[in-house]
Amino acid sequence: MTQAIVGKWGRNLAVRVPFEVAEQSGLKEGERVEIETRDGDIVIRRSKVSDEARQKAMRAVEDIIARSKGVTLGGISIKELINEGRKR
């Protein structure tokens, strides 16, 4: 596990991404990232990767729905199951 030190950049705090981490993740200078907290941890996610993954998942959902016409699971259609999952 790679470690970094939190520094100060103006009024903000900053973390330098070590070269090895940037190289392994494909992170480039100037690239936008999303930052959020989750259960007290800091999560940094590449925006572009998230958008691409979301689009790929939506295409997969559309494909599943198209292939499952008339197929049910205990009387519930696949489309209904997917829509229920989206609500959560």
Protein backbone atom coordinates (compact mmCIF):
# COMPACT_ATOMS: atom_id res chain seq x y z
CA MET A 1 0.00 0.00 0.00
CA THR A 2 1.32 3.39 -0.98
CA GLN A 3 1.11 6.28 1.47
CA ALA A 4 0.98 10.03 0.94
CA ILE A 5 1.20 13.07 3.20
CA VAL A 6 -1.55 15.66 3.37
CA GLY A 7 -0.24 19.17 2.74
CA LYS A 8 -1.73 22.63 2.44
CA TRP A 9 -2.50 24.33 -0.87
CA GLY A 10 -3.89 27.80 -0.21
CA ARG A 11 -6.93 27.36 2.05
CA ASN A 12 -7.36 23.72 0.92
CA LEU A 13 -5.65 20.51 1.87
CA ALA A 14 -3.87 18.55 -0.85
CA VAL A 15 -2.69 15.00 -1.39
CA ARG A 16 -0.07 14.22 -4.01
CA VAL A 17 -0.83 11.10 -5.99
CA PRO A 18 2.34 8.98 -6.09
CA PHE A 19 3.67 8.19 -9.58
CA GLU A 20 3.07 4.45 -9.21
CA VAL A 21 -0.60 4.97 -8.31
CA ALA A 22 -1.13 7.44 -11.17
CA GLU A 23 0.58 5.10 -13.62
CA GLN A 24 -1.38 2.00 -12.54
CA SER A 25 -4.71 3.85 -12.64
CA GLY A 26 -3.99 5.70 -15.88
CA LEU A 27 -4.52 9.05 -14.14
CA LYS A 28 -3.15 11.99 -16.14
CA GLU A 29 -2.32 15.57 -15.19
CA GLY A 30 -5.33 17.85 -15.61
CA GLU A 31 -7.85 14.98 -15.53
CA ARG A 32 -11.02 15.61 -13.52
CA VAL A 33 -11.74 13.36 -10.55
CA GLU A 34 -14.70 13.04 -8.21
CA ILE A 35 -14.05 13.18 -4.47
CA GLU A 36 -16.50 12.05 -1.82
CA THR A 37 -16.56 10.74 1.71
CA ARG A 38 -17.93 7.30 2.49
CA ASP A 39 -18.14 6.12 6.10
CA GLY A 40 -15.35 8.49 7.09
CA ASP A 41 -13.06 7.43 4.21
CA ILE A 42 -12.09 9.60 1.25
CA VAL A 43 -12.94 8.13 -2.15
CA ILE A 44 -11.33 9.55 -5.29
CA ARG A 45 -12.79 8.33 -8.57
CA ARG A 46 -11.88 9.16 -12.13
CA SER A 47 -14.93 10.90 -13.63
CA LYS A 48 -14.39 9.58 -17.15
CA VAL A 49 -14.18 5.99 -15.98
CA SER A 50 -17.40 6.37 -13.98
CA ASP A 51 -19.28 7.81 -16.95
CA GLU A 52 -18.04 5.05 -19.26
CA ALA A 53 -18.91 2.35 -16.72
CA ARG A 54 -22.37 3.85 -16.19
CA GLN A 55 -23.03 3.95 -19.95
CA LYS A 56 -21.81 0.38 -20.37
CA ALA A 57 -24.07 -0.77 -17.54
CA MET A 58 -27.08 0.98 -19.06
CA ARG A 59 -26.42 -0.68 -22.43
CA ALA A 60 -26.22 -4.05 -20.65
CA VAL A 61 -29.54 -3.37 -18.88
CA GLU A 62 -31.19 -2.49 -22.20
CA ASP A 63 -29.80 -5.70 -23.73
CA ILE A 64 -31.06 -7.80 -20.83
CA ILE A 65 -34.53 -6.26 -21.09
CA ALA A 66 -34.63 -6.84 -24.85
CA ARG A 67 -33.59 -10.49 -24.50
CA SER A 68 -35.95 -11.22 -21.62
CA LYS A 69 -39.28 -10.37 -23.23
CA GLY A 70 -41.81 -12.88 -21.90
CA VAL A 71 -39.35 -14.36 -19.35
CA THR A 72 -40.40 -14.16 -15.69
CA LEU A 73 -38.99 -15.07 -12.32
CA GLY A 74 -41.79 -16.19 -10.05
CA GLY A 75 -44.28 -14.29 -12.20
CA ILE A 76 -42.26 -11.05 -12.08
CA SER A 77 -40.78 -9.83 -15.36
CA ILE A 78 -37.06 -9.15 -15.66
CA LYS A 79 -37.89 -5.51 -16.49
CA GLU A 80 -39.85 -5.18 -13.22
CA LEU A 81 -36.92 -6.68 -11.27
CA ILE A 82 -34.45 -4.27 -12.87
CA ASN A 83 -36.71 -1.29 -12.20
CA GLU A 84 -37.07 -2.37 -8.57
CA GLY A 85 -33.28 -2.56 -8.28
CA ARG A 86 -32.93 0.99 -9.64
CA LYS A 87 -35.16 2.31 -6.84
CA ARG A 88 -32.71 1.14 -4.18
